[in-house]
Amino acid sequence: LCVTYTKAAAAEMQARLFQQLGRWAVMDDRELEAELQKLGDEQVPDLSKAPRLFARALETPGGLKIQTI
């Protein structure tokens, strides 16, 4: 769940999130690990399931939930 203040911000957040998840879904494990470490995660988990998880998030019926307050 993502929360923001305006519908425009929610649409922008959704577009950016889908773009990032799409990139991650097709990256090889080394590239993905480097990307996740840039986000500050010292301990990167097992990445073998990551592409499928990212693809599932992208294919969620109705899209990912991004709402406004």
N, C-alpha and C. Protein backbone atom coordinates (compact mmCIF):
# COMPACT_ATOMS: atom_id res chain seq x y z
N LEU A 1 0.85 -1.17 0.00
CA LEU A 1 0.00 0.00 0.00
C LEU A 1 0.89 1.24 0.00
N CYS A 2 0.60 2.14 -0.90
CA CYS A 2 1.28 3.43 -0.94
C CYS A 2 0.25 4.51 -0.65
N VAL A 3 0.64 5.54 0.06
CA VAL A 3 -0.28 6.62 0.42
C VAL A 3 0.36 7.94 0.06
N THR A 4 -0.44 8.83 -0.52
CA THR A 4 0.03 10.16 -0.86
C THR A 4 -1.12 11.15 -0.67
N TYR A 5 -0.90 12.41 -0.99
CA TYR A 5 -1.90 13.44 -0.71
C TYR A 5 -2.80 13.79 -1.88
N THR A 6 -2.34 13.61 -3.11
CA THR A 6 -3.17 14.00 -4.26
C THR A 6 -3.27 12.87 -5.27
N LYS A 7 -4.31 12.93 -6.10
CA LYS A 7 -4.47 11.92 -7.14
C LYS A 7 -3.34 12.00 -8.16
N ALA A 8 -2.89 13.21 -8.44
CA ALA A 8 -1.77 13.38 -9.39
C ALA A 8 -0.51 12.72 -8.84
N ALA A 9 -0.26 12.91 -7.56
CA ALA A 9 0.91 12.29 -6.94
C ALA A 9 0.78 10.77 -6.93
N ALA A 10 -0.44 10.27 -6.71
CA ALA A 10 -0.67 8.82 -6.72
C ALA A 10 -0.40 8.25 -8.11
N ALA A 11 -0.85 8.94 -9.14
CA ALA A 11 -0.60 8.48 -10.51
C ALA A 11 0.89 8.49 -10.83
N GLU A 12 1.58 9.53 -10.41
CA GLU A 12 3.03 9.62 -10.62
C GLU A 12 3.75 8.51 -9.86
N MET A 13 3.34 8.27 -8.61
CA MET A 13 3.95 7.22 -7.80
C MET A 13 3.75 5.86 -8.46
N GLN A 14 2.54 5.60 -8.95
CA GLN A 14 2.25 4.32 -9.59
C GLN A 14 3.10 4.15 -10.85
N ALA A 15 3.22 5.19 -11.66
CA ALA A 15 4.03 5.11 -12.88
C ALA A 15 5.49 4.81 -12.55
N ARG A 16 6.02 5.50 -11.56
CA ARG A 16 7.42 5.28 -11.17
C ARG A 16 7.63 3.88 -10.60
N LEU A 17 6.68 3.44 -9.78
CA LEU A 17 6.77 2.11 -9.18
C LEU A 17 6.74 1.02 -10.24
N PHE A 18 5.80 1.11 -11.19
CA PHE A 18 5.72 0.12 -12.26
C PHE A 18 6.98 0.13 -13.12
N GLN A 19 7.50 1.30 -13.39
CA GLN A 19 8.73 1.40 -14.18
C GLN A 19 9.88 0.71 -13.46
N GLN A 20 10.03 0.97 -12.17
CA GLN A 20 11.12 0.37 -11.40
C GLN A 20 10.95 -1.14 -11.28
N LEU A 21 9.74 -1.59 -10.95
CA LEU A 21 9.51 -3.03 -10.82
C LEU A 21 9.72 -3.74 -12.16
N GLY A 22 9.33 -3.10 -13.25
CA GLY A 22 9.56 -3.67 -14.57
C GLY A 22 11.04 -3.85 -14.85
N ARG A 23 11.84 -2.86 -14.49
CA ARG A 23 13.29 -2.96 -14.67
C ARG A 23 13.86 -4.08 -13.82
N TRP A 24 13.44 -4.14 -12.56
CA TRP A 24 13.95 -5.16 -11.65
C TRP A 24 13.56 -6.56 -12.10
N ALA A 25 12.37 -6.72 -12.69
CA ALA A 25 11.88 -8.03 -13.09
C ALA A 25 12.76 -8.68 -14.16
N VAL A 26 13.47 -7.88 -14.95
CA VAL A 26 14.28 -8.44 -16.03
C VAL A 26 15.78 -8.36 -15.77
N MET A 27 16.19 -7.82 -14.64
CA MET A 27 17.62 -7.72 -14.31
C MET A 27 18.19 -9.07 -13.90
N ASP A 28 19.47 -9.26 -14.18
CA ASP A 28 20.10 -10.46 -13.65
C ASP A 28 20.40 -10.24 -12.17
N ASP A 29 20.72 -11.32 -11.46
CA ASP A 29 20.87 -11.25 -10.01
C ASP A 29 21.93 -10.27 -9.55
N ARG A 30 23.04 -10.19 -10.25
CA ARG A 30 24.12 -9.26 -9.84
C ARG A 30 23.67 -7.81 -9.94
N GLU A 31 23.01 -7.48 -11.05
CA GLU A 31 22.52 -6.11 -11.22
C GLU A 31 21.47 -5.78 -10.16
N LEU A 32 20.56 -6.71 -9.94
CA LEU A 32 19.50 -6.50 -8.96
C LEU A 32 20.07 -6.33 -7.56
N GLU A 33 21.04 -7.16 -7.21
CA GLU A 33 21.67 -7.04 -5.90
C GLU A 33 22.31 -5.67 -5.72
N ALA A 34 23.00 -5.19 -6.75
CA ALA A 34 23.63 -3.87 -6.69
C ALA A 34 22.58 -2.77 -6.53
N GLU A 35 21.47 -2.89 -7.26
CA GLU A 35 20.39 -1.90 -7.15
C GLU A 35 19.81 -1.88 -5.73
N LEU A 36 19.57 -3.05 -5.17
CA LEU A 36 19.00 -3.11 -3.82
C LEU A 36 19.97 -2.58 -2.77
N GLN A 37 21.25 -2.83 -2.96
CA GLN A 37 22.24 -2.31 -2.02
C GLN A 37 22.30 -0.79 -2.08
N LYS A 38 22.06 -0.21 -3.24
CA LYS A 38 22.02 1.25 -3.36
C LYS A 38 20.90 1.84 -2.50
N LEU A 39 19.85 1.04 -2.29
CA LEU A 39 18.73 1.49 -1.46
C LEU A 39 19.02 1.41 0.03
N GLY A 40 20.19 0.84 0.37
CA GLY A 40 20.61 0.82 1.76
C GLY A 40 20.44 -0.52 2.44
N ASP A 41 20.09 -1.57 1.69
CA ASP A 41 19.92 -2.88 2.30
C ASP A 41 21.25 -3.61 2.29
N GLU A 42 21.88 -3.72 3.44
CA GLU A 42 23.17 -4.40 3.56
C GLU A 42 23.05 -5.89 3.28
N GLN A 43 22.00 -6.50 3.81
CA GLN A 43 21.78 -7.94 3.65
C GLN A 43 20.74 -8.15 2.54
N VAL A 44 21.20 -8.43 1.34
CA VAL A 44 20.28 -8.68 0.23
C VAL A 44 19.80 -10.13 0.34
N PRO A 45 18.48 -10.33 0.33
CA PRO A 45 17.94 -11.69 0.45
C PRO A 45 18.19 -12.52 -0.80
N ASP A 46 17.83 -13.79 -0.74
CA ASP A 46 17.92 -14.67 -1.90
C ASP A 46 17.10 -14.07 -3.04
N LEU A 47 17.73 -13.85 -4.16
CA LEU A 47 17.08 -13.16 -5.27
C LEU A 47 16.45 -14.11 -6.29
N SER A 48 16.50 -15.39 -6.05
CA SER A 48 16.01 -16.34 -7.06
C SER A 48 14.52 -16.17 -7.37
N LYS A 49 13.74 -15.70 -6.40
CA LYS A 49 12.30 -15.53 -6.62
C LYS A 49 11.93 -14.10 -6.98
N ALA A 50 12.87 -13.18 -6.93
CA ALA A 50 12.57 -11.76 -7.12
C ALA A 50 11.88 -11.45 -8.44
N PRO A 51 12.37 -11.93 -9.59
CA PRO A 51 11.69 -11.57 -10.84
C PRO A 51 10.22 -11.99 -10.87
N ARG A 52 9.91 -13.16 -10.33
CA ARG A 52 8.51 -13.61 -10.30
C ARG A 52 7.68 -12.73 -9.36
N LEU A 53 8.26 -12.35 -8.22
CA LEU A 53 7.53 -11.50 -7.28
C LEU A 53 7.24 -10.13 -7.89
N PHE A 54 8.23 -9.56 -8.57
CA PHE A 54 8.03 -8.25 -9.21
C PHE A 54 6.98 -8.36 -10.31
N ALA A 55 7.02 -9.45 -11.08
CA ALA A 55 6.04 -9.65 -12.15
C ALA A 55 4.64 -9.79 -11.56
N ARG A 56 4.52 -10.53 -10.45
CA ARG A 56 3.21 -10.67 -9.79
C ARG A 56 2.67 -9.32 -9.33
N ALA A 57 3.55 -8.49 -8.80
CA ALA A 57 3.12 -7.16 -8.36
C ALA A 57 2.60 -6.35 -9.54
N LEU A 58 3.28 -6.46 -10.68
CA LEU A 58 2.86 -5.72 -11.86
C LEU A 58 1.54 -6.23 -12.42
N GLU A 59 1.27 -7.52 -12.24
CA GLU A 59 0.07 -8.14 -12.81
C GLU A 59 -1.09 -8.21 -11.82
N THR A 60 -0.96 -7.61 -10.66
CA THR A 60 -2.03 -7.64 -9.66
C THR A 60 -3.32 -7.07 -10.24
N PRO A 61 -4.42 -7.83 -10.17
CA PRO A 61 -5.69 -7.30 -10.67
C PRO A 61 -6.05 -5.97 -10.00
N GLY A 62 -6.36 -5.00 -10.80
CA GLY A 62 -6.69 -3.68 -10.27
C GLY A 62 -5.47 -2.84 -9.96
N GLY A 63 -4.30 -3.40 -10.16
CA GLY A 63 -3.05 -2.67 -9.89
C GLY A 63 -2.69 -2.64 -8.42
N LEU A 64 -1.54 -2.15 -8.14
CA LEU A 64 -1.11 -1.98 -6.76
C LEU A 64 -1.93 -0.86 -6.13
N LYS A 65 -2.16 -0.95 -4.86
CA LYS A 65 -2.99 0.03 -4.17
C LYS A 65 -2.18 1.28 -3.82
N ILE A 66 -2.50 2.36 -4.49
CA ILE A 66 -1.90 3.66 -4.19
C ILE A 66 -3.06 4.59 -3.92
N GLN A 67 -3.17 5.05 -2.69
CA GLN A 67 -4.33 5.83 -2.28
C GLN A 67 -3.93 7.20 -1.78
N THR A 68 -4.93 8.06 -1.71
CA THR A 68 -4.71 9.41 -1.19
C THR A 68 -5.38 9.56 0.16
N ILE A 69 -4.88 10.52 0.93
CA ILE A 69 -5.48 10.78 2.23
C ILE A 69 -6.50 11.89 2.06
